[in-house]
Amino acid sequence: PSVSMASATAIVDFSNLSFTSVSLTARGALIYNTTTSGGSNTTDSVCVLDFGADKTATSGTFTVQFPAFTTSAAILRIA
């Protein structure tokens, strides 16, 4: 992800994700950090996404599209 500071707000930008040739239904997603520190093998949750309804792909491409990388729209904003 890309991180930026704008107008006293920290914002994070994630690339859209596409899963091709899948058949699935999802209600949400989890963004998590896989980096390790101090020799520990941990995975920390960053945020949980709720799609608002079931989203389905049948023998096709399932894409998670993130909002614009701005202080008013970025998926993660800290002011």
PDB file of N, CA and C in Angstrom:
ATOM      1  N   PRO A   1       0.819  -1.212   0.000  1.00  0.00           N
ATOM      2  CA  PRO A   1       0.000   0.000   0.000  1.00  0.00           C
ATOM      3  C   PRO A   1       0.859   1.270   0.000  1.00  0.00           C
ATOM      4  N   SER A   2       0.254   2.350  -0.466  1.00  0.00           N
ATOM      5  CA  SER A   2       0.907   3.662  -0.425  1.00  0.00           C
ATOM      6  C   SER A   2       0.333   4.441   0.745  1.00  0.00           C
ATOM      7  N   VAL A   3       1.190   5.183   1.430  1.00  0.00           N
ATOM      8  CA  VAL A   3       0.766   5.988   2.577  1.00  0.00           C
ATOM      9  C   VAL A   3       1.152   7.433   2.306  1.00  0.00           C
ATOM     10  N   SER A   4       0.266   8.357   2.700  1.00  0.00           N
ATOM     11  CA  SER A   4       0.542   9.771   2.499  1.00  0.00           C
ATOM     12  C   SER A   4      -0.075  10.572   3.634  1.00  0.00           C
ATOM     13  N   MET A   5       0.454  11.770   3.840  1.00  0.00           N
ATOM     14  CA  MET A   5      -0.092  12.707   4.814  1.00  0.00           C
ATOM     15  C   MET A   5      -0.564  13.927   4.045  1.00  0.00           C
ATOM     16  N   ALA A   6      -1.835  14.276   4.207  1.00  0.00           N
ATOM     17  CA  ALA A   6      -2.400  15.427   3.503  1.00  0.00           C
ATOM     18  C   ALA A   6      -3.375  16.152   4.424  1.00  0.00           C
ATOM     19  N   SER A   7      -3.179  17.443   4.599  1.00  0.00           N
ATOM     20  CA  SER A   7      -4.067  18.265   5.432  1.00  0.00           C
ATOM     21  C   SER A   7      -4.281  17.642   6.813  1.00  0.00           C
ATOM     22  N   ALA A   8      -3.202  17.208   7.450  1.00  0.00           N
ATOM     23  CA  ALA A   8      -3.231  16.610   8.791  1.00  0.00           C
ATOM     24  C   ALA A   8      -4.021  15.299   8.846  1.00  0.00           C
ATOM     25  N   THR A   9      -4.186  14.654   7.709  1.00  0.00           N
ATOM     26  CA  THR A   9      -4.858  13.361   7.658  1.00  0.00           C
ATOM     27  C   THR A   9      -3.938  12.354   6.985  1.00  0.00           C
ATOM     28  N   ALA A  10      -3.706  11.242   7.669  1.00  0.00           N
ATOM     29  CA  ALA A  10      -2.925  10.152   7.081  1.00  0.00           C
ATOM     30  C   ALA A  10      -3.882   9.290   6.274  1.00  0.00           C
ATOM     31  N   ILE A  11      -3.486   8.954   5.049  1.00  0.00           N
ATOM     32  CA  ILE A  11      -4.339   8.120   4.194  1.00  0.00           C
ATOM     33  C   ILE A  11      -3.518   6.965   3.630  1.00  0.00           C
ATOM     34  N   VAL A  12      -4.208   5.862   3.381  1.00  0.00           N
ATOM     35  CA  VAL A  12      -3.559   4.662   2.849  1.00  0.00           C
ATOM     36  C   VAL A  12      -4.283   4.249   1.575  1.00  0.00           C
ATOM     37  N   ASP A  13      -3.506   3.915   0.562  1.00  0.00           N
ATOM     38  CA  ASP A  13      -4.057   3.502  -0.722  1.00  0.00           C
ATOM     39  C   ASP A  13      -3.709   2.041  -0.974  1.00  0.00           C
ATOM     40  N   PHE A  14      -4.700   1.259  -1.336  1.00  0.00           N
ATOM     41  CA  PHE A  14      -4.495  -0.143  -1.683  1.00  0.00           C
ATOM     42  C   PHE A  14      -4.815  -0.340  -3.155  1.00  0.00           C
ATOM     43  N   SER A  15      -4.078  -1.207  -3.810  1.00  0.00           N
ATOM     44  CA  SER A  15      -4.373  -1.555  -5.203  1.00  0.00           C
ATOM     45  C   SER A  15      -5.624  -2.412  -5.256  1.00  0.00           C
ATOM     46  N   ASN A  16      -6.407  -2.234  -6.324  1.00  0.00           N
ATOM     47  CA  ASN A  16      -7.558  -3.103  -6.529  1.00  0.00           C
ATOM     48  C   ASN A  16      -7.065  -4.545  -6.655  1.00  0.00           C
ATOM     49  N   LEU A  17      -7.866  -5.483  -6.200  1.00  0.00           N
ATOM     50  CA  LEU A  17      -7.515  -6.905  -6.269  1.00  0.00           C
ATOM     51  C   LEU A  17      -8.490  -7.628  -7.176  1.00  0.00           C
ATOM     52  N   SER A  18      -7.980  -8.463  -8.052  1.00  0.00           N
ATOM     53  CA  SER A  18      -8.828  -9.267  -8.931  1.00  0.00           C
ATOM     54  C   SER A  18      -8.441 -10.735  -8.814  1.00  0.00           C
ATOM     55  N   PHE A  19      -9.445 -11.562  -8.648  1.00  0.00           N
ATOM     56  CA  PHE A  19      -9.265 -13.012  -8.595  1.00  0.00           C
ATOM     57  C   PHE A  19      -9.950 -13.572  -9.839  1.00  0.00           C
ATOM     58  N   THR A  20      -9.179 -14.186 -10.727  1.00  0.00           N
ATOM     59  CA  THR A  20      -9.720 -14.633 -12.007  1.00  0.00           C
ATOM     60  C   THR A  20     -10.136 -16.100 -11.972  1.00  0.00           C
ATOM     61  N   SER A  21     -11.071 -16.431 -12.830  1.00  0.00           N
ATOM     62  CA  SER A  21     -11.564 -17.806 -13.000  1.00  0.00           C
ATOM     63  C   SER A  21     -12.032 -18.414 -11.686  1.00  0.00           C
ATOM     64  N   VAL A  22     -12.859 -17.653 -10.946  1.00  0.00           N
ATOM     65  CA  VAL A  22     -13.352 -18.136  -9.661  1.00  0.00           C
ATOM     66  C   VAL A  22     -14.870 -18.195  -9.646  1.00  0.00           C
ATOM     67  N   SER A  23     -15.372 -19.021  -8.766  1.00  0.00           N
ATOM     68  CA  SER A  23     -16.789 -19.040  -8.427  1.00  0.00           C
ATOM     69  C   SER A  23     -16.860 -18.896  -6.921  1.00  0.00           C
ATOM     70  N   LEU A  24     -17.370 -17.746  -6.458  1.00  0.00           N
ATOM     71  CA  LEU A  24     -17.433 -17.507  -5.019  1.00  0.00           C
ATOM     72  C   LEU A  24     -18.462 -16.458  -4.689  1.00  0.00           C
ATOM     73  N   THR A  25     -18.856 -16.458  -3.421  1.00  0.00           N
ATOM     74  CA  THR A  25     -19.716 -15.425  -2.868  1.00  0.00           C
ATOM     75  C   THR A  25     -19.028 -14.903  -1.615  1.00  0.00           C
ATOM     76  N   ALA A  26     -18.927 -13.583  -1.498  1.00  0.00           N
ATOM     77  CA  ALA A  26     -18.281 -12.972  -0.337  1.00  0.00           C
ATOM     78  C   ALA A  26     -19.147 -11.834   0.178  1.00  0.00           C
ATOM     79  N   ARG A  27     -19.168 -11.687   1.490  1.00  0.00           N
ATOM     80  CA  ARG A  27     -19.894 -10.587   2.133  1.00  0.00           C
ATOM     81  C   ARG A  27     -18.926  -9.487   2.582  1.00  0.00           C
ATOM     82  N   GLY A  28     -17.635  -9.837   2.700  1.00  0.00           N
ATOM     83  CA  GLY A  28     -16.653  -8.872   3.168  1.00  0.00           C
ATOM     84  C   GLY A  28     -15.248  -9.379   2.941  1.00  0.00           C
ATOM     85  N   ALA A  29     -14.291  -8.630   3.496  1.00  0.00           N
ATOM     86  CA  ALA A  29     -12.881  -8.980   3.343  1.00  0.00           C
ATOM     87  C   ALA A  29     -12.117  -8.504   4.573  1.00  0.00           C
ATOM     88  N   LEU A  30     -10.925  -9.026   4.729  1.00  0.00           N
ATOM     89  CA  LEU A  30     -10.051  -8.640   5.829  1.00  0.00           C
ATOM     90  C   LEU A  30      -8.728  -8.148   5.260  1.00  0.00           C
ATOM     91  N   ILE A  31      -8.321  -6.958   5.653  1.00  0.00           N
ATOM     92  CA  ILE A  31      -6.993  -6.457   5.312  1.00  0.00           C
ATOM     93  C   ILE A  31      -6.124  -6.753   6.525  1.00  0.00           C
ATOM     94  N   TYR A  32      -4.987  -7.410   6.275  1.00  0.00           N
ATOM     95  CA  TYR A  32      -4.128  -7.783   7.393  1.00  0.00           C
ATOM     96  C   TYR A  32      -2.660  -7.548   7.063  1.00  0.00           C
ATOM     97  N   ASN A  33      -1.859  -7.443   8.109  1.00  0.00           N
ATOM     98  CA  ASN A  33      -0.433  -7.182   8.004  1.00  0.00           C
ATOM     99  C   ASN A  33       0.309  -8.494   8.217  1.00  0.00           C
ATOM    100  N   THR A  34       1.110  -8.890   7.247  1.00  0.00           N
ATOM    101  CA  THR A  34       1.843 -10.154   7.357  1.00  0.00           C
ATOM    102  C   THR A  34       3.308  -9.966   7.730  1.00  0.00           C
ATOM    103  N   THR A  35       3.719  -8.729   7.990  1.00  0.00           N
ATOM    104  CA  THR A  35       5.116  -8.518   8.365  1.00  0.00           C
ATOM    105  C   THR A  35       5.350  -9.041   9.773  1.00  0.00           C
ATOM    106  N   THR A  36       6.554  -9.494  10.029  1.00  0.00           N
ATOM    107  CA  THR A  36       6.894 -10.008  11.358  1.00  0.00           C
ATOM    108  C   THR A  36       7.966  -9.131  11.973  1.00  0.00           C
ATOM    109  N   SER A  37       7.970  -9.075  13.287  1.00  0.00           N
ATOM    110  CA  SER A  37       8.997  -8.304  13.986  1.00  0.00           C
ATOM    111  C   SER A  37       9.441  -9.075  15.214  1.00  0.00           C
ATOM    112  N   GLY A  38      10.685  -8.900  15.584  1.00  0.00           N
ATOM    113  CA  GLY A  38      11.193  -9.553  16.778  1.00  0.00           C
ATOM    114  C   GLY A  38      11.185 -11.067  16.706  1.00  0.00           C
ATOM    115  N   GLY A  39      11.165 -11.618  15.486  1.00  0.00           N
ATOM    116  CA  GLY A  39      11.206 -13.067  15.339  1.00  0.00           C
ATOM    117  C   GLY A  39       9.864 -13.750  15.545  1.00  0.00           C
ATOM    118  N   SER A  40       8.810 -12.987  15.861  1.00  0.00           N
ATOM    119  CA  SER A  40       7.502 -13.619  16.046  1.00  0.00           C
ATOM    120  C   SER A  40       6.816 -13.771  14.700  1.00  0.00           C
ATOM    121  N   ASN A  41       6.016 -14.781  14.589  1.00  0.00           N
ATOM    122  CA  ASN A  41       5.292 -15.053  13.354  1.00  0.00           C
ATOM    123  C   ASN A  41       3.827 -14.732  13.593  1.00  0.00           C
ATOM    124  N   THR A  42       3.459 -13.464  13.409  1.00  0.00           N
ATOM    125  CA  THR A  42       2.091 -13.034  13.686  1.00  0.00           C
ATOM    126  C   THR A  42       1.470 -12.410  12.446  1.00  0.00           C
ATOM    127  N   THR A  43       0.170 -12.413  12.425  1.00  0.00           N
ATOM    128  CA  THR A  43      -0.601 -11.742  11.384  1.00  0.00           C
ATOM    129  C   THR A  43      -1.615 -10.866  12.108  1.00  0.00           C
ATOM    130  N   ASP A  44      -1.517  -9.559  11.909  1.00  0.00           N
ATOM    131  CA  ASP A  44      -2.387  -8.620  12.611  1.00  0.00           C
ATOM    132  C   ASP A  44      -3.457  -8.068  11.674  1.00  0.00           C
ATOM    133  N   SER A  45      -4.689  -8.033  12.150  1.00  0.00           N
ATOM    134  CA  SER A  45      -5.777  -7.436  11.383  1.00  0.00           C
ATOM    135  C   SER A  45      -5.585  -5.930  11.317  1.00  0.00           C
ATOM    136  N   VAL A  46      -5.851  -5.355  10.150  1.00  0.00           N
ATOM    137  CA  VAL A  46      -5.794  -3.912   9.973  1.00  0.00           C
ATOM    138  C   VAL A  46      -7.211  -3.352   9.925  1.00  0.00           C
ATOM    139  N   CYS A  47      -8.068  -3.958   9.103  1.00  0.00           N
ATOM    140  CA  CYS A  47      -9.477  -3.557   9.071  1.00  0.00           C
ATOM    141  C   CYS A  47     -10.321  -4.650   8.414  1.00  0.00           C
ATOM    142  N   VAL A  48     -11.601  -4.606   8.740  1.00  0.00           N
ATOM    143  CA  VAL A  48     -12.569  -5.541   8.167  1.00  0.00           C
ATOM    144  C   VAL A  48     -13.461  -4.746   7.229  1.00  0.00           C
ATOM    145  N   LEU A  49     -13.668  -5.248   6.027  1.00  0.00           N
ATOM    146  CA  LEU A  49     -14.533  -4.593   5.046  1.00  0.00           C
ATOM    147  C   LEU A  49     -15.861  -5.326   4.972  1.00  0.00           C
ATOM    148  N   ASP A  50     -16.946  -4.576   4.973  1.00  0.00           N
ATOM    149  CA  ASP A  50     -18.282  -5.140   4.803  1.00  0.00           C
ATOM    150  C   ASP A  50     -18.801  -4.647   3.460  1.00  0.00           C
ATOM    151  N   PHE A  51     -19.054  -5.562   2.543  1.00  0.00           N
ATOM    152  CA  PHE A  51     -19.512  -5.183   1.206  1.00  0.00           C
ATOM    153  C   PHE A  51     -20.974  -4.726   1.197  1.00  0.00           C
ATOM    154  N   GLY A  52     -21.685  -4.875   2.310  1.00  0.00           N
ATOM    155  CA  GLY A  52     -23.071  -4.424   2.397  1.00  0.00           C
ATOM    156  C   GLY A  52     -24.073  -5.440   1.905  1.00  0.00           C
ATOM    157  N   ALA A  53     -23.625  -6.404   1.145  1.00  0.00           N
ATOM    158  CA  ALA A  53     -24.476  -7.481   0.616  1.00  0.00           C
ATOM    159  C   ALA A  53     -23.547  -8.541   0.050  1.00  0.00           C
ATOM    160  N   ASP A  54     -24.089  -9.711  -0.187  1.00  0.00           N
ATOM    161  CA  ASP A  54     -23.297 -10.761  -0.821  1.00  0.00           C
ATOM    162  C   ASP A  54     -22.914 -10.337  -2.231  1.00  0.00           C
ATOM    163  N   LYS A  55     -21.663 -10.554  -2.589  1.00  0.00           N
ATOM    164  CA  LYS A  55     -21.163 -10.282  -3.944  1.00  0.00           C
ATOM    165  C   LYS A  55     -20.697 -11.614  -4.521  1.00  0.00           C
ATOM    166  N   THR A  56     -21.088 -11.902  -5.757  1.00  0.00           N
ATOM    167  CA  THR A  56     -20.846 -13.221  -6.343  1.00  0.00           C
ATOM    168  C   THR A  56     -20.135 -13.111  -7.687  1.00  0.00           C
ATOM    169  N   ALA A  57     -19.244 -14.059  -7.919  1.00  0.00           N
ATOM    170  CA  ALA A  57     -18.626 -14.250  -9.236  1.00  0.00           C
ATOM    171  C   ALA A  57     -18.809 -15.724  -9.573  1.00  0.00           C
ATOM    172  N   THR A  58     -19.244 -16.013 -10.780  1.00  0.00           N
ATOM    173  CA  THR A  58     -19.442 -17.394 -11.222  1.00  0.00           C
ATOM    174  C   THR A  58     -18.595 -17.632 -12.462  1.00  0.00           C
ATOM    175  N   SER A  59     -17.576 -18.468 -12.307  1.00  0.00           N
ATOM    176  CA  SER A  59     -16.644 -18.753 -13.405  1.00  0.00           C
ATOM    177  C   SER A  59     -16.164 -17.451 -14.063  1.00  0.00           C
ATOM    178  N   GLY A  60     -15.787 -16.512 -13.233  1.00  0.00           N
ATOM    179  CA  GLY A  60     -15.363 -15.220 -13.768  1.00  0.00           C
ATOM    180  C   GLY A  60     -14.356 -14.545 -12.867  1.00  0.00           C
ATOM    181  N   THR A  61     -14.322 -13.224 -12.933  1.00  0.00           N
ATOM    182  CA  THR A  61     -13.372 -12.434 -12.161  1.00  0.00           C
ATOM    183  C   THR A  61     -14.095 -11.731 -11.020  1.00  0.00           C
ATOM    184  N   PHE A  62     -13.568 -11.883  -9.827  1.00  0.00           N
ATOM    185  CA  PHE A  62     -14.071 -11.198  -8.638  1.00  0.00           C
ATOM    186  C   PHE A  62     -13.078 -10.081  -8.321  1.00  0.00           C
ATOM    187  N   THR A  63     -13.547  -8.831  -8.332  1.00  0.00           N
ATOM    188  CA  THR A  63     -12.668  -7.687  -8.112  1.00  0.00           C
ATOM    189  C   THR A  63     -13.099  -6.913  -6.883  1.00  0.00           C
ATOM    190  N   VAL A  64     -12.135  -6.600  -6.034  1.00  0.00           N
ATOM    191  CA  VAL A  64     -12.350  -5.695  -4.907  1.00  0.00           C
ATOM    192  C   VAL A  64     -11.744  -4.366  -5.337  1.00  0.00           C
ATOM    193  N   GLN A  65     -12.616  -3.361  -5.506  1.00  0.00           N
ATOM    194  CA  GLN A  65     -12.166  -2.053  -5.977  1.00  0.00           C
ATOM    195  C   GLN A  65     -12.165  -1.076  -4.810  1.00  0.00           C
ATOM    196  N   PHE A  66     -11.004  -0.505  -4.530  1.00  0.00           N
ATOM    197  CA  PHE A  66     -10.863   0.422  -3.417  1.00  0.00           C
ATOM    198  C   PHE A  66     -11.163   1.849  -3.874  1.00  0.00           C
ATOM    199  N   PRO A  67     -11.635   2.703  -2.942  1.00  0.00           N
ATOM    200  CA  PRO A  67     -11.961   4.086  -3.310  1.00  0.00           C
ATOM    201  C   PRO A  67     -10.713   4.915  -3.601  1.00  0.00           C
ATOM    202  N   ALA A  68     -10.938   6.129  -4.063  1.00  0.00           N
ATOM    203  CA  ALA A  68      -9.862   7.049  -4.434  1.00  0.00           C
ATOM    204  C   ALA A  68      -8.936   7.324  -3.249  1.00  0.00           C
ATOM    205  N   PHE A  69      -7.679   7.607  -3.564  1.00  0.00           N
ATOM    206  CA  PHE A  69      -6.632   7.884  -2.574  1.00  0.00           C
ATOM    207  C   PHE A  69      -6.666   9.371  -2.225  1.00  0.00           C
ATOM    208  N   THR A  70      -7.732   9.775  -1.487  1.00  0.00           N
ATOM    209  CA  THR A  70      -7.906  11.175  -1.082  1.00  0.00           C
ATOM    210  C   THR A  70      -8.272  11.227   0.399  1.00  0.00           C
ATOM    211  N   THR A  71      -8.156  12.410   0.992  1.00  0.00           N
ATOM    212  CA  THR A  71      -8.474  12.559   2.417  1.00  0.00           C
ATOM    213  C   THR A  71      -9.958  12.368   2.716  1.00  0.00           C
ATOM    214  N   SER A  72     -10.800  12.437   1.704  1.00  0.00           N
ATOM    215  CA  SER A  72     -12.235  12.257   1.952  1.00  0.00           C
ATOM    216  C   SER A  72     -12.755  10.895   1.507  1.00  0.00           C
ATOM    217  N   ALA A  73     -11.921  10.089   0.835  1.00  0.00           N
ATOM    218  CA  ALA A  73     -12.433   8.824   0.311  1.00  0.00           C
ATOM    219  C   ALA A  73     -11.582   7.588   0.623  1.00  0.00           C
ATOM    220  N   ALA A  74     -10.310   7.741   0.951  1.00  0.00           N
ATOM    221  CA  ALA A  74      -9.433   6.594   1.158  1.00  0.00           C
ATOM    222  C   ALA A  74     -10.030   5.608   2.161  1.00  0.00           C
ATOM    223  N   ILE A  75      -9.788   4.321   1.949  1.00  0.00           N
ATOM    224  CA  ILE A  75     -10.371   3.284   2.808  1.00  0.00           C
ATOM    225  C   ILE A  75      -9.869   3.393   4.231  1.00  0.00           C
ATOM    226  N   LEU A  76      -8.622   3.830   4.428  1.00  0.00           N
ATOM    227  CA  LEU A  76      -8.082   4.075   5.765  1.00  0.00           C
ATOM    228  C   LEU A  76      -7.653   5.536   5.857  1.00  0.00           C
ATOM    229  N   ARG A  77      -8.287   6.258   6.809  1.00  0.00           N
ATOM    230  CA  ARG A  77      -7.975   7.669   7.032  1.00  0.00           C
ATOM    231  C   ARG A  77      -7.836   7.901   8.534  1.00  0.00           C
ATOM    232  N   ILE A  78      -6.773   8.547   8.938  1.00  0.00           N
ATOM    233  CA  ILE A  78      -6.581   8.874  10.353  1.00  0.00           C
ATOM    234  C   ILE A  78      -6.281  10.364  10.446  1.00  0.00           C
ATOM    235  N   ALA A  79      -7.138  11.062  11.185  1.00  0.00           N
ATOM    236  CA  ALA A  79      -6.973  12.516  11.334  1.00  0.00           C
ATOM    237  C   ALA A  79      -6.643  12.861  12.763  1.00  0.00           C
TER     238      ALA A  79
END
